[in-house]
N, C-alpha and C. Protein backbone atom coordinates (compact mmCIF):
# COMPACT_ATOMS: atom_id res chain seq x y z
N MET A 1 15.57 7.63 -20.15
CA MET A 1 14.25 7.93 -19.58
C MET A 1 13.99 7.06 -18.35
N ILE A 2 13.61 7.69 -17.25
CA ILE A 2 13.21 6.99 -16.04
C ILE A 2 11.70 7.03 -15.95
N THR A 3 11.07 5.86 -15.82
CA THR A 3 9.62 5.77 -15.71
C THR A 3 9.24 5.39 -14.28
N LEU A 4 8.41 6.23 -13.67
CA LEU A 4 7.98 6.04 -12.29
C LEU A 4 6.50 5.64 -12.29
N ALA A 5 6.18 4.49 -11.69
CA ALA A 5 4.80 4.01 -11.60
C ALA A 5 4.18 4.47 -10.28
N LEU A 6 3.03 5.13 -10.41
CA LEU A 6 2.28 5.61 -9.24
C LEU A 6 0.81 5.26 -9.42
N SER A 7 0.09 5.23 -8.31
CA SER A 7 -1.36 5.10 -8.36
C SER A 7 -1.99 6.41 -7.93
N LYS A 8 -3.19 6.67 -8.45
CA LYS A 8 -3.90 7.90 -8.08
C LYS A 8 -4.26 7.88 -6.60
N GLY A 9 -4.53 9.08 -6.06
CA GLY A 9 -5.01 9.15 -4.68
C GLY A 9 -3.93 9.54 -3.71
N ARG A 10 -4.01 8.96 -2.53
CA ARG A 10 -3.15 9.40 -1.43
C ARG A 10 -1.66 9.21 -1.73
N ILE A 11 -1.30 8.06 -2.31
CA ILE A 11 0.11 7.82 -2.59
C ILE A 11 0.63 8.85 -3.58
N PHE A 12 -0.13 9.14 -4.61
CA PHE A 12 0.29 10.15 -5.59
C PHE A 12 0.49 11.49 -4.90
N ASP A 13 -0.50 11.91 -4.12
CA ASP A 13 -0.42 13.22 -3.46
C ASP A 13 0.75 13.29 -2.49
N ASP A 14 0.99 12.21 -1.74
CA ASP A 14 2.07 12.21 -0.76
C ASP A 14 3.44 12.10 -1.41
N THR A 15 3.47 11.64 -2.67
CA THR A 15 4.74 11.52 -3.38
C THR A 15 5.21 12.85 -3.95
N LEU A 16 4.29 13.77 -4.22
CA LEU A 16 4.66 15.03 -4.86
C LEU A 16 5.75 15.80 -4.10
N PRO A 17 5.69 15.91 -2.76
CA PRO A 17 6.77 16.62 -2.07
C PRO A 17 8.13 15.92 -2.22
N LEU A 18 8.12 14.59 -2.30
CA LEU A 18 9.37 13.86 -2.50
C LEU A 18 9.94 14.16 -3.89
N LEU A 19 9.05 14.20 -4.89
CA LEU A 19 9.50 14.54 -6.24
C LEU A 19 10.03 15.97 -6.29
N ASP A 20 9.36 16.88 -5.59
CA ASP A 20 9.83 18.27 -5.53
C ASP A 20 11.24 18.34 -4.97
N ALA A 21 11.50 17.53 -3.94
CA ALA A 21 12.82 17.52 -3.33
C ALA A 21 13.88 17.03 -4.31
N ALA A 22 13.45 16.22 -5.27
CA ALA A 22 14.37 15.72 -6.30
C ALA A 22 14.39 16.63 -7.52
N GLY A 23 13.69 17.76 -7.44
CA GLY A 23 13.66 18.70 -8.55
C GLY A 23 12.75 18.28 -9.69
N ILE A 24 11.73 17.48 -9.35
CA ILE A 24 10.82 16.95 -10.38
C ILE A 24 9.41 17.44 -10.09
N GLN A 25 8.77 18.05 -11.09
CA GLN A 25 7.38 18.46 -10.97
C GLN A 25 6.55 17.75 -12.06
N VAL A 26 5.45 17.14 -11.64
CA VAL A 26 4.54 16.51 -12.59
C VAL A 26 3.71 17.61 -13.25
N LEU A 27 3.62 17.59 -14.58
CA LEU A 27 3.01 18.70 -15.31
C LEU A 27 1.51 18.57 -15.50
N ASP A 28 0.95 17.39 -15.20
CA ASP A 28 -0.50 17.19 -15.36
C ASP A 28 -1.11 16.77 -14.03
N ASP A 29 -2.34 17.20 -13.80
CA ASP A 29 -3.10 16.78 -12.63
C ASP A 29 -3.90 15.53 -13.00
N PRO A 30 -3.61 14.39 -12.36
CA PRO A 30 -4.30 13.15 -12.75
C PRO A 30 -5.79 13.18 -12.49
N GLU A 31 -6.24 14.08 -11.63
CA GLU A 31 -7.68 14.17 -11.35
C GLU A 31 -8.41 14.97 -12.43
N LYS A 32 -7.67 15.71 -13.23
CA LYS A 32 -8.29 16.54 -14.27
C LYS A 32 -7.96 16.04 -15.68
N SER A 33 -6.96 15.20 -15.79
CA SER A 33 -6.53 14.71 -17.09
C SER A 33 -6.87 13.24 -17.25
N ARG A 34 -7.13 12.83 -18.48
CA ARG A 34 -7.36 11.42 -18.78
C ARG A 34 -6.06 10.70 -19.16
N LYS A 35 -4.97 11.43 -19.17
CA LYS A 35 -3.69 10.84 -19.55
C LYS A 35 -3.25 9.80 -18.51
N LEU A 36 -2.65 8.73 -19.00
CA LEU A 36 -2.09 7.71 -18.12
C LEU A 36 -0.57 7.79 -18.05
N ILE A 37 0.02 8.54 -18.97
CA ILE A 37 1.45 8.83 -18.92
C ILE A 37 1.61 10.34 -18.76
N LEU A 38 2.19 10.74 -17.64
CA LEU A 38 2.29 12.16 -17.30
C LEU A 38 3.72 12.65 -17.47
N ALA A 39 3.86 13.76 -18.17
CA ALA A 39 5.17 14.37 -18.34
C ALA A 39 5.58 15.10 -17.06
N THR A 40 6.87 15.31 -16.92
CA THR A 40 7.39 16.12 -15.82
C THR A 40 8.22 17.25 -16.41
N ASN A 41 8.72 18.11 -15.54
CA ASN A 41 9.58 19.21 -16.00
C ASN A 41 10.94 18.70 -16.47
N ARG A 42 11.20 17.41 -16.26
CA ARG A 42 12.46 16.83 -16.70
C ARG A 42 12.20 15.90 -17.89
N PRO A 43 12.88 16.12 -19.01
CA PRO A 43 12.64 15.29 -20.19
C PRO A 43 13.02 13.83 -20.00
N ASP A 44 13.81 13.56 -18.96
CA ASP A 44 14.28 12.19 -18.73
C ASP A 44 13.47 11.46 -17.67
N VAL A 45 12.36 12.05 -17.20
CA VAL A 45 11.52 11.42 -16.16
C VAL A 45 10.06 11.54 -16.56
N ARG A 46 9.33 10.43 -16.49
CA ARG A 46 7.89 10.46 -16.72
C ARG A 46 7.20 9.61 -15.66
N VAL A 47 5.91 9.85 -15.48
CA VAL A 47 5.10 9.12 -14.50
C VAL A 47 4.02 8.35 -15.24
N VAL A 48 3.85 7.06 -14.90
CA VAL A 48 2.74 6.29 -15.45
C VAL A 48 1.76 5.99 -14.31
N LEU A 49 0.47 6.13 -14.60
CA LEU A 49 -0.57 5.90 -13.61
C LEU A 49 -1.15 4.51 -13.78
N VAL A 50 -1.07 3.68 -12.75
CA VAL A 50 -1.59 2.32 -12.80
C VAL A 50 -2.38 2.04 -11.52
N ARG A 51 -3.11 0.96 -11.52
CA ARG A 51 -3.80 0.55 -10.30
C ARG A 51 -2.76 0.27 -9.21
N ALA A 52 -3.12 0.56 -7.96
CA ALA A 52 -2.18 0.37 -6.86
C ALA A 52 -1.64 -1.06 -6.82
N SER A 53 -2.52 -2.03 -7.05
CA SER A 53 -2.11 -3.43 -6.98
C SER A 53 -1.21 -3.84 -8.14
N ASP A 54 -1.16 -3.00 -9.20
CA ASP A 54 -0.35 -3.32 -10.37
C ASP A 54 1.04 -2.70 -10.34
N VAL A 55 1.30 -1.81 -9.41
CA VAL A 55 2.61 -1.14 -9.37
C VAL A 55 3.77 -2.15 -9.29
N PRO A 56 3.74 -3.14 -8.36
CA PRO A 56 4.85 -4.09 -8.32
C PRO A 56 5.04 -4.85 -9.63
N THR A 57 3.93 -5.18 -10.31
CA THR A 57 4.02 -5.92 -11.57
C THR A 57 4.68 -5.09 -12.65
N TYR A 58 4.28 -3.82 -12.78
CA TYR A 58 4.89 -2.94 -13.77
C TYR A 58 6.39 -2.80 -13.53
N VAL A 59 6.78 -2.67 -12.27
CA VAL A 59 8.20 -2.51 -11.97
C VAL A 59 8.95 -3.82 -12.17
N GLU A 60 8.39 -4.92 -11.71
CA GLU A 60 9.07 -6.22 -11.83
C GLU A 60 9.36 -6.58 -13.28
N TYR A 61 8.38 -6.32 -14.18
CA TYR A 61 8.51 -6.75 -15.57
C TYR A 61 9.01 -5.64 -16.50
N GLY A 62 9.42 -4.51 -15.92
CA GLY A 62 10.08 -3.49 -16.73
C GLY A 62 9.17 -2.48 -17.39
N GLY A 63 7.86 -2.49 -17.08
CA GLY A 63 6.98 -1.45 -17.59
C GLY A 63 7.27 -0.11 -16.93
N ALA A 64 7.93 -0.16 -15.80
CA ALA A 64 8.40 1.03 -15.10
C ALA A 64 9.75 0.68 -14.47
N ASP A 65 10.59 1.69 -14.31
CA ASP A 65 11.89 1.47 -13.68
C ASP A 65 11.79 1.46 -12.16
N ILE A 66 10.95 2.34 -11.65
CA ILE A 66 10.74 2.44 -10.21
C ILE A 66 9.26 2.66 -9.95
N GLY A 67 8.84 2.44 -8.72
CA GLY A 67 7.45 2.65 -8.36
C GLY A 67 7.33 2.91 -6.88
N ILE A 68 6.16 3.38 -6.50
CA ILE A 68 5.87 3.61 -5.09
C ILE A 68 4.57 2.90 -4.78
N THR A 69 4.62 2.03 -3.77
CA THR A 69 3.45 1.21 -3.46
C THR A 69 3.43 0.89 -1.97
N GLY A 70 2.26 0.55 -1.47
CA GLY A 70 2.12 0.26 -0.05
C GLY A 70 2.71 -1.09 0.34
N LYS A 71 3.16 -1.17 1.57
CA LYS A 71 3.67 -2.44 2.09
C LYS A 71 2.60 -3.53 1.99
N ASP A 72 1.32 -3.15 2.15
CA ASP A 72 0.24 -4.13 2.05
C ASP A 72 0.20 -4.77 0.66
N THR A 73 0.40 -3.96 -0.38
CA THR A 73 0.39 -4.48 -1.74
C THR A 73 1.56 -5.42 -1.97
N LEU A 74 2.72 -5.07 -1.46
CA LEU A 74 3.90 -5.92 -1.63
C LEU A 74 3.72 -7.25 -0.92
N LEU A 75 3.14 -7.22 0.27
CA LEU A 75 2.93 -8.46 1.01
C LEU A 75 1.86 -9.33 0.36
N GLU A 76 0.83 -8.70 -0.15
CA GLU A 76 -0.30 -9.46 -0.70
C GLU A 76 0.01 -10.01 -2.09
N HIS A 77 0.69 -9.23 -2.91
CA HIS A 77 0.90 -9.62 -4.30
C HIS A 77 2.31 -10.11 -4.59
N GLY A 78 3.17 -10.05 -3.57
CA GLY A 78 4.53 -10.53 -3.77
C GLY A 78 5.47 -9.43 -4.22
N SER A 79 6.74 -9.57 -3.89
CA SER A 79 7.73 -8.55 -4.26
C SER A 79 8.99 -9.20 -4.81
N GLN A 80 8.83 -10.37 -5.42
CA GLN A 80 9.97 -11.07 -5.97
C GLN A 80 10.62 -10.22 -7.07
N GLY A 81 11.94 -10.19 -7.06
CA GLY A 81 12.66 -9.48 -8.11
C GLY A 81 12.67 -7.98 -7.97
N LEU A 82 12.18 -7.46 -6.85
CA LEU A 82 12.14 -6.02 -6.65
C LEU A 82 13.16 -5.60 -5.58
N TYR A 83 13.88 -4.56 -5.86
CA TYR A 83 14.77 -3.95 -4.88
C TYR A 83 13.96 -2.91 -4.12
N GLN A 84 14.00 -2.97 -2.80
CA GLN A 84 13.22 -2.06 -1.96
C GLN A 84 14.16 -1.22 -1.10
N PRO A 85 14.68 -0.13 -1.64
CA PRO A 85 15.70 0.62 -0.91
C PRO A 85 15.17 1.51 0.20
N LEU A 86 13.89 1.90 0.14
CA LEU A 86 13.41 2.92 1.09
C LEU A 86 11.98 2.68 1.55
N ASP A 87 11.77 2.85 2.85
CA ASP A 87 10.44 3.07 3.40
C ASP A 87 10.24 4.58 3.37
N LEU A 88 9.32 5.04 2.54
CA LEU A 88 9.15 6.47 2.33
C LEU A 88 8.36 7.16 3.44
N GLN A 89 7.76 6.37 4.33
CA GLN A 89 7.02 6.93 5.47
C GLN A 89 5.87 7.84 5.03
N ILE A 90 5.23 7.47 3.91
CA ILE A 90 4.07 8.22 3.44
C ILE A 90 2.87 7.29 3.35
N ALA A 91 1.67 7.90 3.22
CA ALA A 91 0.42 7.14 3.11
C ALA A 91 0.30 6.12 4.24
N LYS A 92 0.57 6.58 5.44
CA LYS A 92 0.57 5.67 6.59
C LYS A 92 -0.85 5.28 6.99
N CYS A 93 -1.00 4.02 7.33
CA CYS A 93 -2.27 3.50 7.84
C CYS A 93 -1.97 2.17 8.52
N ARG A 94 -2.96 1.33 8.69
CA ARG A 94 -2.74 0.04 9.31
C ARG A 94 -3.73 -0.96 8.74
N ILE A 95 -3.37 -2.23 8.82
CA ILE A 95 -4.31 -3.30 8.48
C ILE A 95 -4.84 -3.86 9.79
N SER A 96 -6.15 -3.91 9.91
CA SER A 96 -6.77 -4.32 11.16
C SER A 96 -7.93 -5.26 10.93
N VAL A 97 -8.31 -5.92 12.01
CA VAL A 97 -9.53 -6.72 12.04
C VAL A 97 -10.63 -5.86 12.63
N ALA A 98 -11.79 -5.84 12.00
CA ALA A 98 -12.93 -5.07 12.51
C ALA A 98 -14.19 -5.93 12.46
N VAL A 99 -15.09 -5.67 13.40
CA VAL A 99 -16.35 -6.42 13.51
C VAL A 99 -17.48 -5.44 13.85
N ARG A 100 -18.72 -5.92 13.77
CA ARG A 100 -19.85 -5.11 14.26
C ARG A 100 -19.63 -4.82 15.74
N ASN A 101 -20.10 -3.66 16.17
CA ASN A 101 -19.87 -3.31 17.57
C ASN A 101 -20.65 -4.15 18.56
N ASP A 102 -21.56 -5.00 18.06
CA ASP A 102 -22.30 -5.89 18.97
C ASP A 102 -21.79 -7.34 18.87
N PHE A 103 -20.68 -7.55 18.16
CA PHE A 103 -20.14 -8.90 18.01
C PHE A 103 -18.99 -9.09 18.99
N ASP A 104 -19.05 -10.13 19.82
CA ASP A 104 -18.02 -10.38 20.83
C ASP A 104 -16.89 -11.19 20.19
N TYR A 105 -15.98 -10.48 19.57
CA TYR A 105 -14.88 -11.11 18.85
C TYR A 105 -13.96 -11.89 19.79
N ALA A 106 -13.61 -11.28 20.92
CA ALA A 106 -12.70 -11.94 21.86
C ALA A 106 -13.29 -13.26 22.35
N HIS A 107 -14.58 -13.27 22.64
CA HIS A 107 -15.23 -14.51 23.09
C HIS A 107 -15.22 -15.56 21.99
N ALA A 108 -15.50 -15.14 20.77
CA ALA A 108 -15.51 -16.09 19.65
C ALA A 108 -14.14 -16.73 19.47
N VAL A 109 -13.09 -15.93 19.60
CA VAL A 109 -11.73 -16.46 19.46
C VAL A 109 -11.40 -17.41 20.60
N ARG A 110 -11.77 -17.03 21.84
CA ARG A 110 -11.49 -17.90 23.00
C ARG A 110 -12.22 -19.24 22.87
N GLN A 111 -13.42 -19.20 22.33
CA GLN A 111 -14.22 -20.42 22.20
C GLN A 111 -13.78 -21.29 21.02
N GLY A 112 -12.85 -20.79 20.23
CA GLY A 112 -12.39 -21.55 19.08
C GLY A 112 -13.39 -21.58 17.94
N SER A 113 -14.26 -20.59 17.90
CA SER A 113 -15.27 -20.53 16.83
C SER A 113 -14.60 -20.36 15.47
N ARG A 114 -15.21 -20.90 14.44
CA ARG A 114 -14.73 -20.69 13.08
C ARG A 114 -15.36 -19.41 12.55
N LEU A 115 -14.52 -18.46 12.19
CA LEU A 115 -14.99 -17.15 11.78
C LEU A 115 -14.99 -17.02 10.26
N THR A 116 -15.97 -16.30 9.76
CA THR A 116 -15.98 -15.94 8.35
C THR A 116 -15.45 -14.52 8.24
N VAL A 117 -14.42 -14.35 7.43
CA VAL A 117 -13.73 -13.06 7.33
C VAL A 117 -13.71 -12.60 5.88
N ALA A 118 -14.18 -11.39 5.64
CA ALA A 118 -14.16 -10.80 4.31
C ALA A 118 -12.97 -9.85 4.19
N THR A 119 -12.27 -9.91 3.07
CA THR A 119 -11.09 -9.07 2.89
C THR A 119 -10.61 -9.11 1.45
N LYS A 120 -9.88 -8.10 1.04
CA LYS A 120 -9.15 -8.22 -0.22
C LYS A 120 -7.71 -8.63 0.04
N TYR A 121 -7.34 -8.69 1.34
CA TYR A 121 -5.99 -9.08 1.73
C TYR A 121 -6.00 -10.53 2.20
N VAL A 122 -6.27 -11.43 1.28
CA VAL A 122 -6.46 -12.84 1.65
C VAL A 122 -5.17 -13.45 2.21
N ALA A 123 -4.05 -13.20 1.56
CA ALA A 123 -2.79 -13.80 2.01
C ALA A 123 -2.41 -13.27 3.39
N ILE A 124 -2.54 -11.98 3.61
CA ILE A 124 -2.19 -11.39 4.90
C ILE A 124 -3.11 -11.92 6.00
N ALA A 125 -4.42 -11.98 5.70
CA ALA A 125 -5.38 -12.47 6.69
C ALA A 125 -5.13 -13.93 7.02
N ARG A 126 -4.88 -14.74 5.99
CA ARG A 126 -4.66 -16.17 6.21
C ARG A 126 -3.45 -16.39 7.13
N GLU A 127 -2.37 -15.67 6.87
CA GLU A 127 -1.16 -15.83 7.69
C GLU A 127 -1.40 -15.36 9.12
N PHE A 128 -2.11 -14.24 9.27
CA PHE A 128 -2.37 -13.69 10.60
C PHE A 128 -3.19 -14.65 11.45
N PHE A 129 -4.30 -15.12 10.92
CA PHE A 129 -5.17 -16.00 11.72
C PHE A 129 -4.54 -17.37 11.94
N ALA A 130 -3.76 -17.86 10.97
CA ALA A 130 -3.07 -19.14 11.15
C ALA A 130 -2.08 -19.04 12.30
N ALA A 131 -1.37 -17.92 12.40
CA ALA A 131 -0.40 -17.74 13.48
C ALA A 131 -1.08 -17.69 14.84
N LYS A 132 -2.33 -17.23 14.86
CA LYS A 132 -3.09 -17.17 16.11
C LYS A 132 -3.80 -18.49 16.42
N GLY A 133 -3.81 -19.40 15.44
CA GLY A 133 -4.53 -20.66 15.62
C GLY A 133 -6.03 -20.50 15.53
N VAL A 134 -6.49 -19.45 14.83
CA VAL A 134 -7.92 -19.20 14.66
C VAL A 134 -8.36 -19.75 13.30
N HIS A 135 -9.40 -20.54 13.30
CA HIS A 135 -9.91 -21.12 12.06
C HIS A 135 -10.84 -20.11 11.38
N VAL A 136 -10.57 -19.84 10.11
CA VAL A 136 -11.36 -18.85 9.38
C VAL A 136 -11.72 -19.36 7.98
N ASP A 137 -12.85 -18.91 7.50
CA ASP A 137 -13.21 -19.03 6.10
C ASP A 137 -13.08 -17.64 5.50
N LEU A 138 -12.28 -17.51 4.46
CA LEU A 138 -11.99 -16.20 3.89
C LEU A 138 -12.84 -15.97 2.63
N ILE A 139 -13.44 -14.80 2.57
CA ILE A 139 -14.22 -14.38 1.40
C ILE A 139 -13.51 -13.17 0.79
N LYS A 140 -13.12 -13.27 -0.48
CA LYS A 140 -12.42 -12.15 -1.12
C LYS A 140 -13.42 -11.15 -1.66
N LEU A 141 -13.26 -9.91 -1.23
CA LEU A 141 -14.03 -8.79 -1.75
C LEU A 141 -13.06 -7.73 -2.27
N TYR A 142 -13.56 -6.84 -3.11
CA TYR A 142 -12.70 -5.82 -3.70
C TYR A 142 -13.07 -4.40 -3.24
N GLY A 143 -14.14 -4.26 -2.48
CA GLY A 143 -14.52 -2.94 -2.02
C GLY A 143 -15.73 -3.00 -1.10
N SER A 144 -16.08 -1.85 -0.52
CA SER A 144 -17.21 -1.75 0.41
C SER A 144 -17.15 -2.85 1.46
N MET A 145 -15.97 -3.04 2.01
CA MET A 145 -15.73 -4.13 2.95
C MET A 145 -16.66 -4.05 4.17
N GLU A 146 -16.98 -2.82 4.57
CA GLU A 146 -17.78 -2.64 5.79
C GLU A 146 -19.17 -3.26 5.68
N LEU A 147 -19.65 -3.45 4.46
CA LEU A 147 -20.97 -4.05 4.28
C LEU A 147 -21.03 -5.50 4.72
N ALA A 148 -19.91 -6.20 4.64
CA ALA A 148 -19.93 -7.65 4.88
C ALA A 148 -20.47 -8.03 6.26
N PRO A 149 -19.99 -7.41 7.36
CA PRO A 149 -20.57 -7.75 8.66
C PRO A 149 -22.00 -7.25 8.82
N LEU A 150 -22.31 -6.13 8.19
CA LEU A 150 -23.63 -5.53 8.35
C LEU A 150 -24.73 -6.34 7.68
N THR A 151 -24.36 -7.06 6.63
CA THR A 151 -25.35 -7.86 5.89
C THR A 151 -25.32 -9.34 6.29
N GLY A 152 -24.42 -9.69 7.21
CA GLY A 152 -24.32 -11.08 7.63
C GLY A 152 -23.45 -11.93 6.73
N LEU A 153 -22.79 -11.31 5.76
CA LEU A 153 -21.90 -12.07 4.88
C LEU A 153 -20.68 -12.59 5.63
N ALA A 154 -20.22 -11.83 6.61
CA ALA A 154 -19.01 -12.21 7.35
C ALA A 154 -19.13 -11.78 8.80
N ASP A 155 -18.36 -12.46 9.65
CA ASP A 155 -18.27 -12.07 11.07
C ASP A 155 -17.34 -10.89 11.25
N ALA A 156 -16.30 -10.83 10.41
CA ALA A 156 -15.26 -9.82 10.57
C ALA A 156 -14.71 -9.44 9.21
N ILE A 157 -13.99 -8.33 9.18
CA ILE A 157 -13.28 -7.92 7.98
C ILE A 157 -11.81 -7.67 8.34
N VAL A 158 -10.96 -7.80 7.36
CA VAL A 158 -9.56 -7.37 7.48
C VAL A 158 -9.37 -6.31 6.39
N ASP A 159 -9.02 -5.10 6.82
CA ASP A 159 -8.97 -4.01 5.84
C ASP A 159 -8.02 -2.93 6.33
N LEU A 160 -7.70 -2.00 5.43
CA LEU A 160 -6.90 -0.84 5.80
C LEU A 160 -7.73 0.10 6.65
N VAL A 161 -7.10 0.66 7.67
CA VAL A 161 -7.75 1.64 8.53
C VAL A 161 -6.82 2.85 8.65
N SER A 162 -7.38 4.02 8.47
CA SER A 162 -6.59 5.24 8.64
C SER A 162 -7.10 6.00 9.87
N THR A 163 -8.19 6.72 9.73
CA THR A 163 -8.75 7.45 10.87
C THR A 163 -9.73 6.61 11.67
N GLY A 164 -10.32 5.60 11.03
CA GLY A 164 -11.36 4.81 11.70
C GLY A 164 -12.74 5.40 11.54
N ASN A 165 -12.86 6.53 10.85
CA ASN A 165 -14.16 7.19 10.72
C ASN A 165 -15.16 6.35 9.95
N THR A 166 -14.69 5.67 8.89
CA THR A 166 -15.61 4.85 8.10
C THR A 166 -16.13 3.68 8.92
N LEU A 167 -15.28 3.08 9.73
CA LEU A 167 -15.74 2.00 10.61
C LEU A 167 -16.82 2.50 11.56
N ARG A 168 -16.55 3.62 12.21
CA ARG A 168 -17.51 4.14 13.18
C ARG A 168 -18.83 4.52 12.52
N ALA A 169 -18.75 5.08 11.33
CA ALA A 169 -19.98 5.47 10.62
C ALA A 169 -20.84 4.27 10.28
N ASN A 170 -20.21 3.09 10.19
CA ASN A 170 -20.95 1.88 9.84
C ASN A 170 -21.08 0.93 11.03
N HIS A 171 -20.92 1.47 12.24
CA HIS A 171 -21.14 0.73 13.49
C HIS A 171 -20.22 -0.49 13.60
N LEU A 172 -18.97 -0.29 13.16
CA LEU A 172 -17.95 -1.33 13.30
C LEU A 172 -16.87 -0.84 14.25
N ILE A 173 -16.18 -1.78 14.86
CA ILE A 173 -15.07 -1.43 15.75
C ILE A 173 -13.83 -2.23 15.36
N GLU A 174 -12.69 -1.59 15.57
CA GLU A 174 -11.40 -2.23 15.31
C GLU A 174 -11.04 -3.08 16.52
N VAL A 175 -10.80 -4.36 16.30
CA VAL A 175 -10.54 -5.25 17.44
C VAL A 175 -9.11 -5.77 17.49
N GLU A 176 -8.42 -5.78 16.36
CA GLU A 176 -7.01 -6.18 16.36
C GLU A 176 -6.27 -5.43 15.26
N ARG A 177 -5.09 -4.96 15.61
CA ARG A 177 -4.21 -4.34 14.61
C ARG A 177 -3.24 -5.41 14.13
N ILE A 178 -3.25 -5.65 12.83
CA ILE A 178 -2.36 -6.68 12.27
C ILE A 178 -0.97 -6.12 12.02
N MET A 179 -0.90 -4.99 11.35
CA MET A 179 0.41 -4.37 11.09
C MET A 179 0.23 -2.93 10.65
N ASP A 180 1.28 -2.13 10.85
CA ASP A 180 1.32 -0.77 10.33
C ASP A 180 1.79 -0.80 8.89
N ILE A 181 1.26 0.12 8.10
CA ILE A 181 1.54 0.17 6.67
C ILE A 181 2.07 1.55 6.29
N SER A 182 3.05 1.57 5.42
CA SER A 182 3.48 2.81 4.77
C SER A 182 3.91 2.44 3.36
N SER A 183 4.26 3.43 2.56
CA SER A 183 4.60 3.16 1.17
C SER A 183 6.10 3.00 0.98
N ARG A 184 6.47 2.11 0.06
CA ARG A 184 7.87 1.77 -0.20
C ARG A 184 8.26 2.16 -1.62
N LEU A 185 9.52 2.52 -1.78
CA LEU A 185 10.09 2.70 -3.10
C LEU A 185 10.58 1.35 -3.59
N VAL A 186 10.16 0.95 -4.78
CA VAL A 186 10.60 -0.32 -5.37
C VAL A 186 11.26 -0.04 -6.71
N VAL A 187 12.29 -0.83 -7.01
CA VAL A 187 13.12 -0.58 -8.19
C VAL A 187 13.29 -1.89 -8.96
N ASN A 188 13.20 -1.79 -10.28
CA ASN A 188 13.47 -2.92 -11.14
C ASN A 188 14.97 -3.25 -11.10
N GLN A 189 15.30 -4.52 -10.89
CA GLN A 189 16.70 -4.92 -10.70
C GLN A 189 17.54 -4.62 -11.94
N ALA A 190 17.00 -4.91 -13.13
CA ALA A 190 17.75 -4.65 -14.35
C ALA A 190 17.96 -3.15 -14.56
N ALA A 191 16.92 -2.36 -14.30
CA ALA A 191 17.03 -0.91 -14.47
C ALA A 191 18.07 -0.32 -13.53
N LEU A 192 18.17 -0.91 -12.34
CA LEU A 192 19.16 -0.41 -11.37
C LEU A 192 20.58 -0.57 -11.90
N LYS A 193 20.81 -1.60 -12.71
CA LYS A 193 22.13 -1.81 -13.31
C LYS A 193 22.33 -0.96 -14.56
N LEU A 194 21.29 -0.90 -15.40
CA LEU A 194 21.43 -0.20 -16.68
C LEU A 194 21.34 1.32 -16.53
N LYS A 195 20.58 1.78 -15.53
CA LYS A 195 20.38 3.22 -15.33
C LYS A 195 20.81 3.60 -13.92
N GLN A 196 21.93 3.05 -13.51
CA GLN A 196 22.33 3.15 -12.11
C GLN A 196 22.47 4.58 -11.62
N ALA A 197 23.16 5.43 -12.38
CA ALA A 197 23.43 6.79 -11.91
C ALA A 197 22.15 7.61 -11.70
N PRO A 198 21.25 7.71 -12.70
CA PRO A 198 20.04 8.53 -12.47
C PRO A 198 19.11 7.94 -11.42
N ILE A 199 19.01 6.61 -11.37
CA ILE A 199 18.14 6.01 -10.36
C ILE A 199 18.72 6.21 -8.97
N ARG A 200 20.04 6.07 -8.84
CA ARG A 200 20.66 6.28 -7.53
C ARG A 200 20.49 7.71 -7.07
N ARG A 201 20.59 8.67 -8.00
CA ARG A 201 20.37 10.07 -7.61
C ARG A 201 18.95 10.28 -7.11
N LEU A 202 17.99 9.64 -7.76
CA LEU A 202 16.60 9.77 -7.33
C LEU A 202 16.39 9.13 -5.96
N ILE A 203 16.96 7.95 -5.76
CA ILE A 203 16.85 7.29 -4.44
C ILE A 203 17.45 8.16 -3.36
N ASP A 204 18.62 8.74 -3.63
CA ASP A 204 19.29 9.58 -2.64
C ASP A 204 18.48 10.83 -2.32
N ALA A 205 17.85 11.42 -3.36
CA ALA A 205 17.03 12.61 -3.13
C ALA A 205 15.82 12.26 -2.27
N PHE A 206 15.17 11.13 -2.57
CA PHE A 206 14.04 10.68 -1.75
C PHE A 206 14.48 10.42 -0.32
N ALA A 207 15.62 9.75 -0.16
CA ALA A 207 16.11 9.42 1.18
C ALA A 207 16.38 10.69 1.98
N ALA A 208 16.94 11.69 1.34
CA ALA A 208 17.22 12.95 2.03
C ALA A 208 15.93 13.64 2.45
N ALA A 209 14.92 13.60 1.56
CA ALA A 209 13.64 14.23 1.89
C ALA A 209 12.96 13.51 3.05
N VAL A 210 13.01 12.18 3.04
CA VAL A 210 12.41 11.40 4.13
C VAL A 210 13.13 11.68 5.44
N ALA A 211 14.46 11.71 5.40
CA ALA A 211 15.25 11.95 6.60
C ALA A 211 15.00 13.35 7.17
N ALA A 212 14.83 14.33 6.28
CA ALA A 212 14.57 15.70 6.74
C ALA A 212 13.22 15.81 7.42
N ARG A 213 12.25 15.04 6.94
CA ARG A 213 10.91 15.10 7.51
C ARG A 213 10.77 14.23 8.73
N ASN A 214 11.52 13.15 8.75
CA ASN A 214 11.41 12.19 9.85
C ASN A 214 12.81 11.64 10.15
N PRO A 215 13.56 12.30 11.02
CA PRO A 215 14.93 11.89 11.29
C PRO A 215 15.08 10.45 11.78
N ALA A 216 14.00 9.90 12.35
CA ALA A 216 14.07 8.55 12.88
C ALA A 216 13.80 7.48 11.83
N SER A 217 13.48 7.92 10.58
CA SER A 217 13.13 6.95 9.54
C SER A 217 14.33 6.09 9.19
N GLN A 218 14.02 4.84 8.82
CA GLN A 218 15.05 3.89 8.44
C GLN A 218 14.58 3.13 7.22
N SER A 219 15.50 2.55 6.49
CA SER A 219 15.15 1.69 5.38
C SER A 219 14.53 0.42 5.91
N PRO A 220 13.61 -0.23 5.15
CA PRO A 220 12.97 -1.43 5.62
C PRO A 220 13.97 -2.57 5.72
N SER A 221 13.75 -3.45 6.68
CA SER A 221 14.64 -4.59 6.83
C SER A 221 14.24 -5.68 5.85
């Protein structure tokens, strides 16, 4: 049995075509079912639904053999003990710094001001601002990040941005792009040895699907 860890939402939806390419169809709709373990058309493959931030943990400790998770999650929560064979080029977005549209971020940085930054990506934000030599106080939030500058809780936020529509709707602007994000395939090291043949076939099927859709795609360095 191969167990694949996924999170609900965009990553799940974007993974379905890759699974189809591997001849795997998920038999339950996670938006309509309360099940956390989903059967597939293959008796040797099942899907477990976990929080996005928990995917690396499930794979690392053997609760799942493989998983699909964002680069942001791997950077923030660590990826020790995980084999990362593929950048799947799905669920693309970016991590950026955003502020109120009336806040002069560039001036504050030039003046060496100490900024208060709200984010759930504390490790990524800390490394980014340290590399720039900008002094920051970090406040960890888990959602509704856009509220922080609007209520005076923070000068800036570090968050995922896709279209930018939510920022604009809340009178925020993107002032710096930290990095581009896409989702990665991660594999448990022990499972790769014990279930090498079926896992390798799945990796190869995913790789072929990614290459067909994006010939320029490459595995992550």
